[in-house]
Structures are given as C-alpha cells and as structure tokens.
C-alpha cells in the first residue's frame, strides 16, 4: 500500500504538471483530497485494473487526453497543435 501511495503521488505530480488546473477549484486542497484525486486518476489510467501502470497504459491515457483536447479545439473552431 505504501508503494502504491508513493506511485500515486509521483504520478499525480506528473498529471498536475500536464493538466495544471484542469480539475482544481480555486482555494486550498487538503492532502486527503489531493490523494483521492490522484488515486482516481490512477484508476482511470490503469486500463486492466491490476494496480500497476504500465508504460503502454500511461501512453494510451496521454493519447486519450490529447485526442479529447484536439476534439474540443476543433469543436471551438481552433486548429489542433502540431509538433
């Protein structure tokens, strides 16, 4: 369980950087709320629900988020970013 919490914390830090402010409300956040959000994100990313995030699952989740962002931009009439 301790390893899971460490992993969730690390992954949530990555996710917060990648999606800064996308789910946060203005104001303070308790450690409990932060960890709940991180655990929920981990659960969404863990496609086979085995409690382990593989590189493939992380890449698939990132691709899904990117696709959703681009669809939203297209709906709003802006062009998706290209690299």
Protein backbone atom coordinates (compact mmCIF):
# COMPACT_ATOMS: atom_id res chain seq x y z
CA UNK A 1 0.00 0.00 0.00
CA UNK A 2 2.86 2.34 0.82
CA UNK A 3 4.38 1.74 -2.62
CA UNK A 4 1.01 2.45 -4.21
CA UNK A 5 0.71 5.77 -2.37
CA UNK A 6 4.21 6.76 -3.42
CA UNK A 7 3.44 5.84 -7.03
CA UNK A 8 0.13 7.68 -6.94
CA UNK A 9 1.82 10.77 -5.52
CA UNK A 10 4.51 10.71 -8.20
CA UNK A 11 2.00 10.16 -10.98
CA UNK A 12 -0.28 12.86 -9.68
CA UNK A 13 2.61 15.32 -9.65
CA UNK A 14 3.15 14.43 -13.32
CA UNK A 15 -0.53 14.78 -14.03
CA UNK A 16 -0.80 18.11 -12.24
CA UNK A 17 2.04 19.45 -14.37
CA UNK A 18 0.50 18.05 -17.53
CA UNK A 19 -3.02 19.24 -16.76
CA UNK A 20 -2.45 22.17 -14.45
CA UNK A 21 -5.69 23.43 -13.03
CA UNK A 22 -7.94 21.22 -15.15
CA UNK A 23 -9.68 19.68 -12.14
CA UNK A 24 -8.69 22.01 -9.31
CA UNK A 25 -11.04 24.55 -7.83
CA UNK A 26 -9.81 27.85 -6.58
CA UNK A 27 -8.66 27.53 -3.00
CA UNK A 28 -6.78 25.20 -0.74
CA UNK A 29 -6.56 21.44 -1.15
CA UNK A 30 -6.11 19.02 1.73
CA UNK A 31 -3.72 16.11 1.50
CA UNK A 32 -6.70 13.76 1.72
CA UNK A 33 -8.46 15.42 -1.21
CA UNK A 34 -5.22 15.53 -3.20
CA UNK A 35 -4.63 11.82 -2.69
CA UNK A 36 -8.26 10.98 -3.54
CA UNK A 37 -7.91 12.82 -6.84
CA UNK A 38 -4.57 11.14 -7.53
CA UNK A 39 -6.00 7.71 -6.78
CA UNK A 40 -8.99 8.36 -9.03
CA UNK A 41 -6.64 9.41 -11.83
CA UNK A 42 -4.53 6.29 -11.30
CA UNK A 43 -7.68 4.17 -11.52
CA UNK A 44 -8.66 5.85 -14.81
CA UNK A 45 -5.19 5.23 -16.22
CA UNK A 46 -4.96 1.58 -15.06
CA UNK A 47 -6.82 0.06 -18.01
CA UNK A 48 -6.61 -3.57 -16.91
CA UNK A 49 -7.23 -2.72 -13.23
CA UNK A 50 -4.26 -4.75 -11.99
CA UNK A 51 -2.93 -1.97 -9.76
CA UNK A 52 0.11 -1.36 -11.96
CA UNK A 53 0.51 1.39 -14.52
CA UNK A 54 2.47 0.17 -17.49
CA UNK A 55 4.24 2.45 -19.93
CA UNK A 56 1.62 1.46 -22.50
CA UNK A 57 -1.25 2.45 -20.18
CA UNK A 58 0.34 5.83 -19.46
CA UNK A 59 0.89 6.45 -23.18
CA UNK A 60 -2.67 5.40 -24.00
CA UNK A 61 -4.08 7.71 -21.33
CA UNK A 62 -1.97 10.62 -22.59
CA UNK A 63 -3.12 9.95 -26.15
CA UNK A 64 -6.75 9.86 -24.99
CA UNK A 65 -6.36 13.23 -23.26
CA UNK A 66 -4.65 14.71 -26.31
CA UNK A 67 -7.45 13.46 -28.55
CA UNK A 68 -10.06 14.98 -26.24
CA UNK A 69 -8.23 18.35 -26.22
CA UNK A 70 -8.00 18.36 -30.02
CA UNK A 71 -11.67 17.44 -30.39
CA UNK A 72 -12.59 20.28 -28.05
CA UNK A 73 -10.44 22.71 -30.03
CA UNK A 74 -11.99 21.53 -33.30
CA UNK A 75 -15.44 22.00 -31.85
CA UNK A 76 -14.48 25.53 -30.79
CA UNK A 77 -13.11 26.23 -34.27
CA UNK A 78 -9.40 26.29 -33.49
CA UNK A 79 -6.72 24.17 -35.07
CA UNK A 80 -5.07 21.37 -33.03
CA UNK A 81 -1.42 21.88 -32.12
CA UNK A 82 1.17 20.08 -34.21
CA UNK A 83 4.75 19.43 -33.25
